[in-house]
Amino acid sequence: MATKEKQAGAPKGGSKKKGEAPKTRGPHAGAGRPVPPPRLKLFYESTVRGRLTEQFGLGNKHQLPTLTKIVVNVGAGEAIKQPKFLDTIVEELATITGQQPVRRKAKKSIANFGLREGQEIGASVTLRGARMWEFLDRFVTVALPRVRDFRGVGTKSFDGRGNYSLGVKEQMIFPEINYDSIESIHGMDITFVTTAGRDDLAFALLKELGMPFRGDDKKGTRL
């Protein structure tokens, strides 16, 4: 009876010899081919540049603004009493951005908060190149629409030099985060750094790239 059970459970075509290496398939169809540039970067080069040139009358191509980096920062005040809290934030931030975060340390001690100089109190990621474009694409097309009662982002959070910042209340808006595995809800600040040099040009750039702005008078809007 035992012999029949073994024979019934054996794979078709005979049993595999002990120590025999498993058969491997050949390389996939895209192997060896260059990685295509991010979709949003192609859109910027093919469409946005022309629209900005026409809208602002920019005769010199070097005057055209572009996105240089995106900085995602998470403050973790609770890490003062719960060091493992920061480990969770670092893991989630790496999952969201696809890049290993840098842990931020306190620059000075504050006795009232029990904070010591050099203590880790946050994490941040600076995205450039392909990761930057891909993050912006996912942020405006997937993450923002998941915000409850979303009506757009504020227009009053530019810094006067063409950079834009906004706050996110919950990391759950990013689909990469598994809701069931969340230990605590935390927000994050996201800064979009451009070469515009002025706010109106930066506003037009981000709007053309899909940032869903709305008109309001609030500073530092948090979603």
N, C-alpha and C. Protein backbone atom coordinates (compact mmCIF):
# COMPACT_ATOMS: atom_id res chain seq x y z
N MET A 1 0.83 -1.21 0.00
CA MET A 1 0.00 0.00 0.00
C MET A 1 0.86 1.25 0.00
N ALA A 2 1.94 1.22 0.82
CA ALA A 2 2.83 2.39 0.88
C ALA A 2 3.48 2.63 -0.45
N THR A 3 3.82 1.55 -1.17
CA THR A 3 4.47 1.68 -2.47
C THR A 3 3.55 2.34 -3.47
N LYS A 4 2.25 1.96 -3.45
CA LYS A 4 1.29 2.55 -4.38
C LYS A 4 1.11 4.04 -4.10
N GLU A 5 1.09 4.42 -2.81
CA GLU A 5 0.93 5.83 -2.47
C GLU A 5 2.11 6.65 -2.98
N LYS A 6 3.30 6.09 -2.86
CA LYS A 6 4.48 6.79 -3.36
C LYS A 6 4.42 6.96 -4.87
N GLN A 7 3.94 5.87 -5.53
CA GLN A 7 3.84 5.95 -6.98
C GLN A 7 2.78 6.95 -7.41
N ALA A 8 1.69 7.01 -6.65
CA ALA A 8 0.62 7.95 -6.99
C ALA A 8 1.06 9.38 -6.80
N GLY A 9 1.92 9.63 -5.79
CA GLY A 9 2.37 10.99 -5.52
C GLY A 9 3.54 11.43 -6.36
N ALA A 10 4.13 10.51 -7.10
CA ALA A 10 5.30 10.85 -7.91
C ALA A 10 4.88 11.67 -9.11
N PRO A 11 5.69 12.65 -9.53
CA PRO A 11 5.34 13.47 -10.70
C PRO A 11 5.41 12.68 -11.97
N LYS A 12 4.63 13.12 -12.96
CA LYS A 12 4.63 12.44 -14.25
C LYS A 12 6.00 12.55 -14.90
N GLY A 13 6.33 11.50 -15.59
CA GLY A 13 7.61 11.53 -16.28
C GLY A 13 8.73 10.97 -15.44
N GLY A 14 8.38 10.32 -14.29
CA GLY A 14 9.43 9.72 -13.48
C GLY A 14 9.86 10.63 -12.37
N SER A 15 10.42 10.06 -11.34
CA SER A 15 10.88 10.86 -10.20
C SER A 15 12.21 11.50 -10.52
N LYS A 16 12.46 12.65 -9.86
CA LYS A 16 13.70 13.39 -10.08
C LYS A 16 14.83 12.73 -9.30
N LYS A 17 15.95 12.55 -9.90
CA LYS A 17 17.08 11.94 -9.24
C LYS A 17 17.61 12.85 -8.15
N LYS A 18 18.08 12.25 -7.08
CA LYS A 18 18.61 12.99 -5.95
C LYS A 18 19.83 13.80 -6.39
N GLY A 19 19.82 15.10 -6.04
CA GLY A 19 20.95 15.96 -6.39
C GLY A 19 20.84 16.57 -7.77
N GLU A 20 19.79 16.21 -8.53
CA GLU A 20 19.62 16.73 -9.89
C GLU A 20 19.13 18.18 -9.82
N ALA A 21 19.76 19.07 -10.54
CA ALA A 21 19.39 20.49 -10.54
C ALA A 21 18.06 20.69 -11.25
N PRO A 22 17.19 21.57 -10.72
CA PRO A 22 15.90 21.82 -11.38
C PRO A 22 16.09 22.49 -12.73
N LYS A 23 15.18 22.19 -13.63
CA LYS A 23 15.26 22.76 -14.97
C LYS A 23 14.91 24.25 -14.90
N THR A 24 15.68 25.08 -15.57
CA THR A 24 15.43 26.53 -15.57
C THR A 24 15.00 26.98 -16.96
N ARG A 25 14.11 27.95 -16.97
CA ARG A 25 13.66 28.49 -18.24
C ARG A 25 14.65 29.51 -18.76
N GLY A 26 14.54 29.82 -20.01
CA GLY A 26 15.42 30.81 -20.62
C GLY A 26 15.08 32.21 -20.16
N PRO A 27 15.87 33.19 -20.53
CA PRO A 27 15.62 34.58 -20.12
C PRO A 27 14.31 35.09 -20.71
N HIS A 28 13.70 36.06 -20.00
CA HIS A 28 12.44 36.61 -20.48
C HIS A 28 12.67 37.48 -21.72
N ALA A 29 11.57 37.84 -22.36
CA ALA A 29 11.65 38.53 -23.66
C ALA A 29 12.39 39.86 -23.57
N GLY A 30 12.33 40.52 -22.40
CA GLY A 30 12.95 41.84 -22.28
C GLY A 30 14.38 41.81 -21.79
N ALA A 31 14.92 40.62 -21.60
CA ALA A 31 16.28 40.52 -21.08
C ALA A 31 17.28 41.16 -22.04
N GLY A 32 18.17 41.95 -21.48
CA GLY A 32 19.21 42.58 -22.29
C GLY A 32 18.81 43.90 -22.91
N ARG A 33 17.54 44.22 -22.84
CA ARG A 33 17.07 45.48 -23.41
C ARG A 33 17.18 46.60 -22.38
N PRO A 34 17.41 47.84 -22.82
CA PRO A 34 17.51 48.95 -21.87
C PRO A 34 16.19 49.20 -21.16
N VAL A 35 16.27 49.63 -19.90
CA VAL A 35 15.06 49.93 -19.12
C VAL A 35 14.41 51.20 -19.67
N PRO A 36 13.13 51.15 -20.00
CA PRO A 36 12.47 52.34 -20.55
C PRO A 36 12.40 53.45 -19.52
N PRO A 37 12.47 54.71 -19.94
CA PRO A 37 12.37 55.83 -18.99
C PRO A 37 10.97 55.90 -18.39
N PRO A 38 10.83 56.53 -17.23
CA PRO A 38 9.51 56.64 -16.59
C PRO A 38 8.50 57.34 -17.48
N ARG A 39 7.26 56.92 -17.38
CA ARG A 39 6.18 57.47 -18.20
C ARG A 39 6.06 58.98 -18.03
N LEU A 40 6.13 59.46 -16.79
CA LEU A 40 5.93 60.88 -16.54
C LEU A 40 7.09 61.72 -17.08
N LYS A 41 8.28 61.16 -17.08
CA LYS A 41 9.42 61.89 -17.65
C LYS A 41 9.26 62.05 -19.15
N LEU A 42 8.79 61.01 -19.82
CA LEU A 42 8.53 61.10 -21.26
C LEU A 42 7.45 62.14 -21.55
N PHE A 43 6.43 62.18 -20.70
CA PHE A 43 5.36 63.15 -20.87
C PHE A 43 5.89 64.57 -20.69
N TYR A 44 6.80 64.75 -19.73
CA TYR A 44 7.40 66.06 -19.52
C TYR A 44 8.18 66.51 -20.75
N GLU A 45 8.99 65.62 -21.29
CA GLU A 45 9.83 65.98 -22.42
C GLU A 45 9.03 66.19 -23.70
N SER A 46 7.98 65.41 -23.90
CA SER A 46 7.23 65.49 -25.16
C SER A 46 6.11 66.52 -25.14
N THR A 47 5.57 66.82 -23.97
CA THR A 47 4.38 67.68 -23.90
C THR A 47 4.56 68.89 -22.99
N VAL A 48 4.98 68.66 -21.76
CA VAL A 48 5.02 69.74 -20.76
C VAL A 48 5.98 70.86 -21.16
N ARG A 49 7.14 70.50 -21.66
CA ARG A 49 8.13 71.51 -22.04
C ARG A 49 7.55 72.46 -23.09
N GLY A 50 6.86 71.92 -24.08
CA GLY A 50 6.27 72.75 -25.11
C GLY A 50 5.17 73.65 -24.58
N ARG A 51 4.35 73.14 -23.69
CA ARG A 51 3.27 73.93 -23.11
C ARG A 51 3.81 75.09 -22.27
N LEU A 52 4.84 74.83 -21.49
CA LEU A 52 5.43 75.89 -20.66
C LEU A 52 6.12 76.94 -21.52
N THR A 53 6.77 76.51 -22.59
CA THR A 53 7.41 77.45 -23.51
C THR A 53 6.39 78.40 -24.10
N GLU A 54 5.25 77.86 -24.51
CA GLU A 54 4.19 78.67 -25.10
C GLU A 54 3.52 79.57 -24.06
N GLN A 55 3.29 79.04 -22.88
CA GLN A 55 2.57 79.79 -21.85
C GLN A 55 3.38 80.96 -21.31
N PHE A 56 4.69 80.78 -21.13
CA PHE A 56 5.52 81.82 -20.51
C PHE A 56 6.45 82.51 -21.52
N GLY A 57 6.40 82.10 -22.77
CA GLY A 57 7.24 82.72 -23.79
C GLY A 57 8.72 82.55 -23.52
N LEU A 58 9.12 81.37 -23.12
CA LEU A 58 10.52 81.09 -22.79
C LEU A 58 11.28 80.76 -24.07
N GLY A 59 12.14 81.66 -24.50
CA GLY A 59 12.89 81.44 -25.73
C GLY A 59 14.11 80.55 -25.54
N ASN A 60 14.67 80.56 -24.35
CA ASN A 60 15.87 79.76 -24.05
C ASN A 60 15.44 78.46 -23.38
N LYS A 61 15.90 77.34 -23.91
CA LYS A 61 15.50 76.05 -23.35
C LYS A 61 16.01 75.86 -21.93
N HIS A 62 17.08 76.57 -21.58
CA HIS A 62 17.62 76.45 -20.23
C HIS A 62 16.72 77.16 -19.20
N GLN A 63 15.77 77.96 -19.68
CA GLN A 63 14.84 78.62 -18.77
C GLN A 63 13.67 77.71 -18.39
N LEU A 64 13.51 76.63 -19.12
CA LEU A 64 12.42 75.72 -18.83
C LEU A 64 12.64 75.03 -17.48
N PRO A 65 11.66 75.10 -16.59
CA PRO A 65 11.83 74.48 -15.27
C PRO A 65 11.66 72.97 -15.34
N THR A 66 12.26 72.29 -14.39
CA THR A 66 12.10 70.85 -14.28
C THR A 66 12.14 70.46 -12.81
N LEU A 67 11.77 69.25 -12.55
CA LEU A 67 11.80 68.72 -11.19
C LEU A 67 13.19 68.13 -10.94
N THR A 68 13.82 68.49 -9.82
CA THR A 68 15.17 68.00 -9.54
C THR A 68 15.20 66.92 -8.47
N LYS A 69 14.33 67.03 -7.47
CA LYS A 69 14.29 66.00 -6.43
C LYS A 69 12.99 66.10 -5.64
N ILE A 70 12.65 65.01 -4.98
CA ILE A 70 11.51 64.95 -4.07
C ILE A 70 12.02 64.43 -2.73
N VAL A 71 11.75 65.17 -1.67
CA VAL A 71 12.20 64.79 -0.33
C VAL A 71 10.98 64.37 0.49
N VAL A 72 11.01 63.14 1.00
CA VAL A 72 9.94 62.61 1.84
C VAL A 72 10.49 62.49 3.26
N ASN A 73 9.87 63.18 4.20
CA ASN A 73 10.39 63.24 5.56
C ASN A 73 9.31 62.83 6.56
N VAL A 74 9.69 62.01 7.53
CA VAL A 74 8.78 61.57 8.59
C VAL A 74 9.41 61.86 9.94
N GLY A 75 8.73 62.63 10.75
CA GLY A 75 9.18 62.88 12.12
C GLY A 75 8.63 61.82 13.04
N ALA A 76 9.45 61.35 13.97
CA ALA A 76 9.04 60.27 14.86
C ALA A 76 9.34 60.65 16.30
N GLY A 77 8.53 61.56 16.85
CA GLY A 77 8.72 61.99 18.22
C GLY A 77 8.56 60.85 19.21
N GLU A 78 7.70 59.88 18.88
CA GLU A 78 7.47 58.75 19.77
C GLU A 78 8.71 57.86 19.89
N ALA A 79 9.65 58.01 18.95
CA ALA A 79 10.85 57.18 19.00
C ALA A 79 11.71 57.49 20.22
N ILE A 80 11.47 58.63 20.88
CA ILE A 80 12.21 58.98 22.09
C ILE A 80 11.96 57.93 23.17
N LYS A 81 10.70 57.49 23.28
CA LYS A 81 10.34 56.50 24.30
C LYS A 81 10.23 55.09 23.72
N GLN A 82 9.98 55.00 22.40
CA GLN A 82 9.84 53.70 21.76
C GLN A 82 10.78 53.60 20.56
N PRO A 83 12.02 53.21 20.77
CA PRO A 83 13.00 53.16 19.67
C PRO A 83 12.56 52.31 18.49
N LYS A 84 11.78 51.23 18.76
CA LYS A 84 11.36 50.35 17.67
C LYS A 84 10.33 51.01 16.76
N PHE A 85 9.71 52.09 17.23
CA PHE A 85 8.74 52.81 16.42
C PHE A 85 9.39 53.36 15.15
N LEU A 86 10.63 53.83 15.29
CA LEU A 86 11.35 54.37 14.14
C LEU A 86 11.70 53.26 13.15
N ASP A 87 11.97 52.06 13.64
CA ASP A 87 12.28 50.94 12.74
C ASP A 87 11.10 50.67 11.80
N THR A 88 9.89 50.75 12.34
CA THR A 88 8.70 50.53 11.52
C THR A 88 8.55 51.62 10.47
N ILE A 89 8.81 52.86 10.86
CA ILE A 89 8.72 53.98 9.92
C ILE A 89 9.73 53.82 8.80
N VAL A 90 10.94 53.45 9.14
CA VAL A 90 11.98 53.26 8.12
C VAL A 90 11.59 52.18 7.13
N GLU A 91 11.03 51.09 7.64
CA GLU A 91 10.61 49.99 6.77
C GLU A 91 9.48 50.42 5.84
N GLU A 92 8.50 51.14 6.38
CA GLU A 92 7.37 51.58 5.55
C GLU A 92 7.80 52.61 4.52
N LEU A 93 8.70 53.52 4.92
CA LEU A 93 9.17 54.55 4.00
C LEU A 93 9.96 53.93 2.85
N ALA A 94 10.72 52.89 3.15
CA ALA A 94 11.46 52.18 2.10
C ALA A 94 10.50 51.48 1.14
N THR A 95 9.42 50.94 1.68
CA THR A 95 8.42 50.27 0.85
C THR A 95 7.72 51.26 -0.08
N ILE A 96 7.41 52.44 0.44
CA ILE A 96 6.69 53.45 -0.34
C ILE A 96 7.56 54.04 -1.44
N THR A 97 8.81 54.35 -1.13
CA THR A 97 9.69 55.07 -2.07
C THR A 97 10.58 54.17 -2.89
N GLY A 98 10.81 52.94 -2.43
CA GLY A 98 11.72 52.05 -3.15
C GLY A 98 13.18 52.39 -2.91
N GLN A 99 13.45 53.13 -1.84
CA GLN A 99 14.82 53.55 -1.54
C GLN A 99 15.02 53.53 -0.02
N GLN A 100 16.22 53.16 0.41
CA GLN A 100 16.50 53.07 1.84
C GLN A 100 16.56 54.45 2.48
N PRO A 101 15.75 54.71 3.51
CA PRO A 101 15.74 56.02 4.15
C PRO A 101 17.00 56.29 4.98
N VAL A 102 17.21 57.56 5.26
CA VAL A 102 18.28 57.99 6.14
C VAL A 102 17.66 58.38 7.47
N ARG A 103 18.21 57.88 8.55
CA ARG A 103 17.70 58.21 9.88
C ARG A 103 18.21 59.59 10.29
N ARG A 104 17.30 60.41 10.81
CA ARG A 104 17.63 61.76 11.23
C ARG A 104 17.84 61.82 12.74
N LYS A 105 18.86 62.57 13.15
CA LYS A 105 19.20 62.68 14.57
C LYS A 105 18.96 64.10 15.08
N ALA A 106 18.67 64.19 16.36
CA ALA A 106 18.44 65.49 16.99
C ALA A 106 19.74 66.29 17.03
N LYS A 107 19.65 67.58 16.67
CA LYS A 107 20.84 68.43 16.64
C LYS A 107 21.20 68.98 18.02
N LYS A 108 20.23 69.00 18.92
CA LYS A 108 20.50 69.49 20.27
C LYS A 108 19.57 68.81 21.27
N SER A 109 19.93 68.87 22.52
CA SER A 109 19.14 68.25 23.58
C SER A 109 18.04 69.22 24.05
N ILE A 110 16.88 68.66 24.35
CA ILE A 110 15.75 69.42 24.89
C ILE A 110 15.25 68.67 26.12
N ALA A 111 15.58 69.18 27.29
CA ALA A 111 15.27 68.47 28.54
C ALA A 111 13.78 68.29 28.74
N ASN A 112 12.98 69.28 28.38
CA ASN A 112 11.53 69.21 28.59
C ASN A 112 10.88 68.05 27.84
N PHE A 113 11.48 67.67 26.71
CA PHE A 113 10.94 66.57 25.89
C PHE A 113 11.71 65.28 26.11
N GLY A 114 12.70 65.31 26.97
CA GLY A 114 13.51 64.12 27.18
C GLY A 114 14.35 63.76 25.97
N LEU A 115 14.70 64.77 25.18
CA LEU A 115 15.44 64.55 23.94
C LEU A 115 16.92 64.81 24.14
N ARG A 116 17.74 63.87 23.67
CA ARG A 116 19.19 64.00 23.77
C ARG A 116 19.78 64.29 22.40
N GLU A 117 20.83 65.06 22.37
CA GLU A 117 21.53 65.35 21.12
C GLU A 117 22.05 64.06 20.50
N GLY A 118 21.81 63.88 19.21
CA GLY A 118 22.25 62.68 18.52
C GLY A 118 21.25 61.55 18.53
N GLN A 119 20.13 61.72 19.24
CA GLN A 119 19.11 60.68 19.28
C GLN A 119 18.31 60.65 17.98
N GLU A 120 18.01 59.46 17.48
CA GLU A 120 17.29 59.32 16.22
C GLU A 120 15.81 59.65 16.42
N ILE A 121 15.32 60.62 15.65
CA ILE A 121 13.94 61.09 15.82
C ILE A 121 13.16 61.17 14.50
N GLY A 122 13.68 60.61 13.46
CA GLY A 122 12.96 60.67 12.19
C GLY A 122 13.72 59.99 11.07
N ALA A 123 13.11 60.01 9.89
CA ALA A 123 13.74 59.40 8.71
C ALA A 123 13.31 60.17 7.47
N SER A 124 14.17 60.18 6.48
CA SER A 124 13.85 60.89 5.24
C SER A 124 14.47 60.18 4.05
N VAL A 125 13.88 60.44 2.89
CA VAL A 125 14.36 59.89 1.63
C VAL A 125 14.43 61.02 0.61
N THR A 126 15.52 61.09 -0.13
CA THR A 126 15.65 62.06 -1.22
C THR A 126 15.66 61.31 -2.55
N LEU A 127 14.63 61.52 -3.34
CA LEU A 127 14.48 60.81 -4.60
C LEU A 127 14.94 61.67 -5.77
N ARG A 128 15.71 61.09 -6.64
CA ARG A 128 16.15 61.75 -7.87
C ARG A 128 16.02 60.77 -9.04
N GLY A 129 16.12 61.32 -10.24
CA GLY A 129 16.12 60.47 -11.42
C GLY A 129 14.83 59.69 -11.60
N ALA A 130 14.96 58.43 -12.04
CA ALA A 130 13.79 57.61 -12.37
C ALA A 130 12.88 57.39 -11.17
N ARG A 131 13.46 57.16 -9.99
CA ARG A 131 12.63 56.94 -8.80
C ARG A 131 11.79 58.17 -8.47
N MET A 132 12.35 59.35 -8.71
CA MET A 132 11.63 60.59 -8.46
C MET A 132 10.40 60.68 -9.37
N TRP A 133 10.58 60.46 -10.67
CA TRP A 133 9.49 60.54 -11.62
C TRP A 133 8.42 59.48 -11.34
N GLU A 134 8.86 58.28 -11.00
CA GLU A 134 7.91 57.20 -10.73
C GLU A 134 7.12 57.46 -9.46
N PHE A 135 7.79 58.03 -8.44
CA PHE A 135 7.07 58.34 -7.20
C PHE A 135 6.01 59.41 -7.46
N LEU A 136 6.35 60.47 -8.18
CA LEU A 136 5.38 61.52 -8.48
C LEU A 136 4.21 60.96 -9.26
N ASP A 137 4.48 60.09 -10.21
CA ASP A 137 3.42 59.48 -11.02
C ASP A 137 2.47 58.69 -10.13
N ARG A 138 3.00 57.86 -9.24
CA ARG A 138 2.15 57.07 -8.33
C ARG A 138 1.42 57.96 -7.34
N PHE A 139 2.08 59.03 -6.91
CA PHE A 139 1.49 59.91 -5.91
C PHE A 139 0.25 60.62 -6.44
N VAL A 140 0.33 61.16 -7.66
CA VAL A 140 -0.78 61.95 -8.19
C VAL A 140 -1.88 61.09 -8.82
N THR A 141 -1.53 59.91 -9.30
CA THR A 141 -2.52 59.09 -9.99
C THR A 141 -3.14 58.00 -9.11
N VAL A 142 -2.43 57.57 -8.07
CA VAL A 142 -2.91 56.47 -7.24
C VAL A 142 -3.13 56.88 -5.78
N ALA A 143 -2.11 57.50 -5.16
CA ALA A 143 -2.18 57.78 -3.73
C ALA A 143 -3.18 58.89 -3.39
N LEU A 144 -3.08 60.04 -4.06
CA LEU A 144 -3.96 61.16 -3.73
C LEU A 144 -5.45 60.85 -3.89
N PRO A 145 -5.84 60.14 -4.95
CA PRO A 145 -7.27 59.82 -5.08
C PRO A 145 -7.80 58.93 -3.96
N ARG A 146 -6.89 58.31 -3.19
CA ARG A 146 -7.32 57.45 -2.08
C ARG A 146 -7.58 58.23 -0.80
N VAL A 147 -7.26 59.54 -0.81
CA VAL A 147 -7.52 60.38 0.36
C VAL A 147 -9.03 60.58 0.50
N ARG A 148 -9.53 60.41 1.70
CA ARG A 148 -10.96 60.55 1.93
C ARG A 148 -11.42 61.98 1.68
N ASP A 149 -12.51 62.12 0.94
CA ASP A 149 -13.09 63.43 0.60
C ASP A 149 -12.06 64.36 -0.05
N PHE A 150 -11.24 63.81 -0.91
CA PHE A 150 -10.17 64.59 -1.54
C PHE A 150 -10.74 65.60 -2.53
N ARG A 151 -10.31 66.86 -2.40
CA ARG A 151 -10.76 67.92 -3.30
C ARG A 151 -9.59 68.69 -3.91
N GLY A 152 -8.41 68.13 -3.83
CA GLY A 152 -7.25 68.79 -4.39
C GLY A 152 -6.28 69.25 -3.31
N VAL A 153 -5.08 69.64 -3.72
CA VAL A 153 -4.07 70.12 -2.79
C VAL A 153 -4.02 71.64 -2.82
N GLY A 154 -3.57 72.24 -1.73
CA GLY A 154 -3.54 73.69 -1.62
C GLY A 154 -2.51 74.33 -2.53
N THR A 155 -2.70 75.62 -2.77
CA THR A 155 -1.80 76.37 -3.66
C THR A 155 -0.93 77.37 -2.92
N LYS A 156 -1.01 77.39 -1.60
CA LYS A 156 -0.31 78.40 -0.82
C LYS A 156 0.92 77.87 -0.10
N SER A 157 1.42 76.72 -0.53
CA SER A 157 2.56 76.11 0.17
C SER A 157 3.85 76.17 -0.62
N PHE A 158 3.97 77.15 -1.52
CA PHE A 158 5.23 77.38 -2.22
C PHE A 158 6.13 78.26 -1.35
N ASP A 159 7.43 78.10 -1.51
CA ASP A 159 8.37 78.80 -0.62
C ASP A 159 8.93 80.10 -1.20
N GLY A 160 8.45 80.53 -2.37
CA GLY A 160 8.96 81.74 -2.98
C GLY A 160 10.13 81.50 -3.91
N ARG A 161 10.67 80.29 -3.90
CA ARG A 161 11.81 79.94 -4.76
C ARG A 161 11.47 78.79 -5.72
N GLY A 162 10.17 78.51 -5.86
CA GLY A 162 9.77 77.49 -6.81
C GLY A 162 9.71 76.08 -6.26
N ASN A 163 9.70 75.95 -4.93
CA ASN A 163 9.59 74.63 -4.32
C ASN A 163 8.25 74.52 -3.60
N TYR A 164 7.68 73.32 -3.61
CA TYR A 164 6.33 73.12 -3.07
C TYR A 164 6.34 72.01 -2.03
N SER A 165 5.66 72.22 -0.90
CA SER A 165 5.60 71.23 0.17
C SER A 165 4.15 70.96 0.56
N LEU A 166 3.89 69.75 0.95
CA LEU A 166 2.57 69.39 1.45
C LEU A 166 2.74 68.29 2.50
N GLY A 167 1.72 68.14 3.33
CA GLY A 167 1.75 67.11 4.36
C GLY A 167 0.70 66.06 4.12
N VAL A 168 1.05 64.82 4.42
CA VAL A 168 0.13 63.69 4.32
C VAL A 168 -0.13 63.17 5.73
N LYS A 169 -1.38 63.00 6.08
CA LYS A 169 -1.73 62.59 7.45
C LYS A 169 -1.54 61.11 7.69
N GLU A 170 -1.77 60.30 6.67
CA GLU A 170 -1.74 58.85 6.85
C GLU A 170 -0.92 58.17 5.76
N GLN A 171 -0.08 57.24 6.14
CA GLN A 171 0.71 56.50 5.16
C GLN A 171 -0.14 55.49 4.40
N MET A 172 -1.38 55.29 4.86
CA MET A 172 -2.24 54.27 4.23
C MET A 172 -2.72 54.66 2.84
N ILE A 173 -2.53 55.92 2.43
CA ILE A 173 -2.97 56.29 1.09
C ILE A 173 -2.10 55.66 0.02
N PHE A 174 -0.93 55.17 0.42
CA PHE A 174 -0.05 54.50 -0.54
C PHE A 174 -0.42 53.03 -0.60
N PRO A 175 -0.76 52.51 -1.77
CA PRO A 175 -1.21 51.12 -1.88
C PRO A 175 -0.14 50.10 -1.53
N GLU A 176 1.12 50.53 -1.47
CA GLU A 176 2.19 49.60 -1.11
C GLU A 176 2.12 49.18 0.35
N ILE A 177 1.39 49.95 1.17
CA ILE A 177 1.30 49.66 2.59
C ILE A 177 0.12 48.72 2.85
N ASN A 178 0.39 47.61 3.52
CA ASN A 178 -0.64 46.65 3.88
C ASN A 178 -1.37 47.13 5.13
N TYR A 179 -2.66 47.39 4.99
CA TYR A 179 -3.44 47.94 6.11
C TYR A 179 -3.38 47.04 7.34
N ASP A 180 -3.41 45.73 7.14
CA ASP A 180 -3.45 44.79 8.26
C ASP A 180 -2.14 44.75 9.05
N SER A 181 -1.05 45.19 8.43
CA SER A 181 0.26 45.12 9.10
C SER A 181 0.65 46.44 9.76
N ILE A 182 -0.20 47.46 9.70
CA ILE A 182 0.12 48.76 10.28
C ILE A 182 0.02 48.71 11.80
N GLU A 183 1.08 49.15 12.47
CA GLU A 183 1.09 49.19 13.92
C GLU A 183 0.57 50.53 14.44
N SER A 184 0.86 51.61 13.72
CA SER A 184 0.38 52.93 14.11
C SER A 184 0.33 53.82 12.88
N ILE A 185 -0.57 54.78 12.90
CA ILE A 185 -0.73 55.70 11.78
C ILE A 185 0.18 56.91 11.98
N HIS A 186 0.87 57.30 10.93
CA HIS A 186 1.74 58.47 11.00
C HIS A 186 1.68 59.22 9.68
N GLY A 187 2.02 60.48 9.71
CA GLY A 187 2.03 61.30 8.50
C GLY A 187 3.42 61.49 7.96
N MET A 188 3.53 62.33 6.96
CA MET A 188 4.82 62.63 6.35
C MET A 188 4.74 63.95 5.60
N ASP A 189 5.88 64.59 5.45
CA ASP A 189 5.97 65.83 4.68
C ASP A 189 6.71 65.54 3.38
N ILE A 190 6.18 66.04 2.28
CA ILE A 190 6.76 65.81 0.96
C ILE A 190 7.08 67.15 0.32
N THR A 191 8.31 67.33 -0.11
CA THR A 191 8.75 68.57 -0.74
C THR A 191 9.19 68.29 -2.17
N PHE A 192 8.65 69.07 -3.10
CA PHE A 192 8.99 68.95 -4.52
C PHE A 192 9.91 70.11 -4.87
N VAL A 193 11.14 69.81 -5.21
CA VAL A 193 12.15 70.83 -5.50
C VAL A 193 12.29 70.98 -7.01
N THR A 194 12.16 72.20 -7.52
CA THR A 194 12.24 72.46 -8.95
C THR A 194 13.34 73.48 -9.24
N THR A 195 13.61 73.67 -10.52
CA THR A 195 14.59 74.68 -10.96
C THR A 195 13.89 75.97 -11.38
N ALA A 196 12.59 76.08 -11.10
CA ALA A 196 11.81 77.22 -11.58
C ALA A 196 12.33 78.55 -11.06
N GLY A 197 12.67 78.60 -9.77
CA GLY A 197 13.16 79.85 -9.20
C GLY A 197 12.06 80.80 -8.77
N ARG A 198 10.85 80.57 -9.23
CA ARG A 198 9.71 81.40 -8.83
C ARG A 198 8.46 80.54 -8.78
N ASP A 199 7.49 81.00 -7.99
CA ASP A 199 6.35 80.15 -7.67
C ASP A 199 5.38 79.95 -8.84
N ASP A 200 5.14 80.97 -9.63
CA ASP A 200 4.16 80.82 -10.72
C ASP A 200 4.63 79.80 -11.74
N LEU A 201 5.91 79.79 -12.02
CA LEU A 201 6.46 78.84 -12.98
C LEU A 201 6.45 77.42 -12.40
N ALA A 202 6.76 77.32 -11.11
CA ALA A 202 6.74 76.01 -10.45
C ALA A 202 5.32 75.46 -10.38
N PHE A 203 4.37 76.36 -10.11
CA PHE A 203 2.96 75.96 -10.06
C PHE A 203 2.52 75.39 -11.41
N ALA A 204 2.88 76.08 -12.49
CA ALA A 204 2.50 75.62 -13.83
C ALA A 204 3.15 74.28 -14.15
N LEU A 205 4.41 74.11 -13.74
CA LEU A 205 5.11 72.86 -13.99
C LEU A 205 4.42 71.69 -13.29
N LEU A 206 4.17 71.84 -11.99
CA LEU A 206 3.56 70.75 -11.23
C LEU A 206 2.14 70.46 -11.69
N LYS A 207 1.43 71.52 -12.07
CA LYS A 207 0.07 71.32 -12.57
C LYS A 207 0.07 70.53 -13.86
N GLU A 208 0.99 70.85 -14.76
CA GLU A 208 1.09 70.11 -16.02
C GLU A 208 1.49 68.66 -15.78
N LEU A 209 2.23 68.41 -14.70
CA LEU A 209 2.66 67.05 -14.38
C LEU A 209 1.58 66.26 -13.65
N GLY A 210 0.43 66.90 -13.41
CA GLY A 210 -0.70 66.17 -12.85
C GLY A 210 -1.04 66.50 -11.41
N MET A 211 -0.33 67.44 -10.78
CA MET A 211 -0.65 67.79 -9.40
C MET A 211 -2.03 68.44 -9.35
N PRO A 212 -2.98 67.85 -8.61
CA PRO A 212 -4.37 68.36 -8.61
C PRO A 212 -4.55 69.53 -7.64
N PHE A 213 -4.19 70.71 -8.07
CA PHE A 213 -4.29 71.89 -7.21
C PHE A 213 -5.74 72.36 -7.09
N ARG A 214 -6.02 73.02 -5.99
CA ARG A 214 -7.28 73.72 -5.79
C ARG A 214 -6.98 75.08 -5.17
N GLY A 215 -7.85 76.02 -5.35
CA GLY A 215 -7.63 77.35 -4.80
C GLY A 215 -8.10 77.44 -3.37
N ASP A 216 -7.21 77.79 -2.44
CA ASP A 216 -7.60 78.05 -1.06
C ASP A 216 -6.57 78.98 -0.44
N ASP A 217 -6.83 79.39 0.79
CA ASP A 217 -5.96 80.33 1.49
C ASP A 217 -5.23 79.69 2.65
N LYS A 218 -5.15 78.36 2.67
CA LYS A 218 -4.54 77.68 3.81
C LYS A 218 -3.05 77.47 3.55
N LYS A 219 -2.26 77.65 4.60
CA LYS A 219 -0.82 77.42 4.52
C LYS A 219 -0.52 75.99 4.95
N GLY A 220 0.42 75.36 4.27
CA GLY A 220 0.86 74.04 4.69
C GLY A 220 -0.26 73.03 4.76
N THR A 221 -1.03 72.89 3.73
CA THR A 221 -2.16 71.98 3.72
C THR A 221 -1.73 70.55 3.98
N ARG A 222 -2.45 69.87 4.88
CA ARG A 222 -2.21 68.44 5.13
C ARG A 222 -3.42 67.67 4.63
N LEU A 223 -3.14 66.55 3.97
CA LEU A 223 -4.21 65.76 3.34
C LEU A 223 -4.76 64.74 4.31
